[in-house]
Amino acid sequence: MVTRRAYEKYCSKCKMLFKAEEIESPMFRYRVFCKAEYCLEK
């Protein structure tokens, strides 16, 4: 799960992004499904 700012800065332009779902959470805006291992470690 990522914030809107993190999604726009890192995930939206990433080639490894599989899909992103908007969720209703006070802190996080998106649930991101990505194929990159280094993103999962952060």
N, C-alpha and C. Protein backbone atom coordinates (compact mmCIF):
# COMPACT_ATOMS: atom_id res chain seq x y z
N MET A 1 0.84 -1.17 0.00
CA MET A 1 0.00 0.00 0.00
C MET A 1 0.90 1.24 0.00
N VAL A 2 0.51 2.22 -0.77
CA VAL A 2 1.30 3.44 -0.89
C VAL A 2 0.41 4.67 -0.83
N THR A 3 1.02 5.78 -0.49
CA THR A 3 0.32 7.06 -0.48
C THR A 3 0.18 7.57 -1.92
N ARG A 4 -0.66 8.55 -2.09
CA ARG A 4 -0.85 9.14 -3.42
C ARG A 4 0.46 9.74 -3.94
N ARG A 5 1.18 10.43 -3.07
CA ARG A 5 2.44 11.06 -3.48
C ARG A 5 3.48 10.04 -3.91
N ALA A 6 3.61 8.96 -3.15
CA ALA A 6 4.57 7.90 -3.50
C ALA A 6 4.17 7.23 -4.81
N TYR A 7 2.89 7.02 -5.01
CA TYR A 7 2.42 6.41 -6.25
C TYR A 7 2.77 7.29 -7.45
N GLU A 8 2.48 8.57 -7.34
CA GLU A 8 2.75 9.48 -8.45
C GLU A 8 4.25 9.63 -8.71
N LYS A 9 5.05 9.61 -7.65
CA LYS A 9 6.50 9.82 -7.79
C LYS A 9 7.23 8.57 -8.30
N TYR A 10 6.85 7.40 -7.81
CA TYR A 10 7.59 6.19 -8.12
C TYR A 10 6.83 5.19 -8.99
N CYS A 11 5.62 4.87 -8.61
CA CYS A 11 4.92 3.74 -9.22
C CYS A 11 4.27 4.04 -10.56
N SER A 12 3.72 5.22 -10.74
CA SER A 12 2.93 5.49 -11.93
C SER A 12 3.74 5.40 -13.22
N LYS A 13 5.05 5.66 -13.15
CA LYS A 13 5.90 5.64 -14.34
C LYS A 13 6.73 4.36 -14.46
N CYS A 14 6.57 3.46 -13.50
CA CYS A 14 7.39 2.25 -13.45
C CYS A 14 6.93 1.22 -14.48
N LYS A 15 7.89 0.62 -15.15
CA LYS A 15 7.59 -0.42 -16.15
C LYS A 15 7.17 -1.73 -15.50
N MET A 16 7.52 -1.91 -14.24
CA MET A 16 7.25 -3.17 -13.56
C MET A 16 5.88 -3.18 -12.86
N LEU A 17 5.14 -2.08 -12.93
CA LEU A 17 3.83 -2.00 -12.30
C LEU A 17 2.86 -2.94 -12.99
N PHE A 18 2.23 -3.79 -12.22
CA PHE A 18 1.25 -4.73 -12.76
C PHE A 18 -0.13 -4.09 -12.76
N LYS A 19 -0.55 -3.62 -11.58
CA LYS A 19 -1.81 -2.87 -11.47
C LYS A 19 -1.85 -2.14 -10.14
N ALA A 20 -2.73 -1.14 -10.07
CA ALA A 20 -2.92 -0.37 -8.84
C ALA A 20 -4.42 -0.21 -8.61
N GLU A 21 -4.83 -0.44 -7.38
CA GLU A 21 -6.24 -0.30 -7.00
C GLU A 21 -6.36 0.83 -5.99
N GLU A 22 -7.34 1.70 -6.18
CA GLU A 22 -7.62 2.74 -5.19
C GLU A 22 -8.35 2.10 -4.03
N ILE A 23 -7.92 2.47 -2.81
CA ILE A 23 -8.56 1.96 -1.60
C ILE A 23 -8.96 3.13 -0.73
N GLU A 24 -9.86 2.89 0.18
CA GLU A 24 -10.30 3.92 1.12
C GLU A 24 -9.62 3.67 2.46
N SER A 25 -8.54 4.39 2.66
CA SER A 25 -7.78 4.29 3.89
C SER A 25 -7.34 5.70 4.28
N PRO A 26 -7.29 6.02 5.55
CA PRO A 26 -6.90 7.37 5.95
C PRO A 26 -5.46 7.73 5.57
N MET A 27 -4.57 6.75 5.51
CA MET A 27 -3.17 7.05 5.22
C MET A 27 -2.76 6.67 3.81
N PHE A 28 -3.20 5.52 3.34
CA PHE A 28 -2.79 5.02 2.04
C PHE A 28 -3.90 5.17 1.02
N ARG A 29 -3.53 5.46 -0.21
CA ARG A 29 -4.52 5.70 -1.26
C ARG A 29 -4.59 4.54 -2.26
N TYR A 30 -3.48 3.84 -2.47
CA TYR A 30 -3.43 2.80 -3.49
C TYR A 30 -2.87 1.49 -2.93
N ARG A 31 -3.37 0.39 -3.44
CA ARG A 31 -2.76 -0.92 -3.25
C ARG A 31 -2.09 -1.23 -4.58
N VAL A 32 -0.77 -1.42 -4.54
CA VAL A 32 0.02 -1.58 -5.75
C VAL A 32 0.47 -3.03 -5.89
N PHE A 33 0.33 -3.55 -7.08
CA PHE A 33 0.82 -4.87 -7.42
C PHE A 33 1.95 -4.68 -8.42
N CYS A 34 3.16 -5.05 -8.01
CA CYS A 34 4.34 -4.77 -8.81
C CYS A 34 5.18 -6.03 -8.96
N LYS A 35 5.90 -6.13 -10.08
CA LYS A 35 6.76 -7.27 -10.34
C LYS A 35 8.20 -7.04 -9.89
N ALA A 36 8.52 -5.85 -9.39
CA ALA A 36 9.89 -5.52 -8.99
C ALA A 36 10.15 -5.92 -7.54
N GLU A 37 11.19 -6.70 -7.32
CA GLU A 37 11.55 -7.14 -5.99
C GLU A 37 12.06 -5.99 -5.11
N TYR A 38 12.80 -5.04 -5.71
CA TYR A 38 13.38 -3.97 -4.90
C TYR A 38 12.31 -3.04 -4.33
N CYS A 39 11.18 -2.93 -4.96
CA CYS A 39 10.10 -2.10 -4.41
C CYS A 39 9.46 -2.76 -3.19
N LEU A 40 9.38 -4.06 -3.20
CA LEU A 40 8.79 -4.78 -2.09
C LEU A 40 9.65 -4.69 -0.83
N GLU A 41 10.95 -4.52 -1.01
CA GLU A 41 11.86 -4.47 0.12
C GLU A 41 11.85 -3.11 0.82
N LYS A 42 11.39 -2.06 0.16
CA LYS A 42 11.39 -0.71 0.73
C LYS A 42 10.32 -0.55 1.78
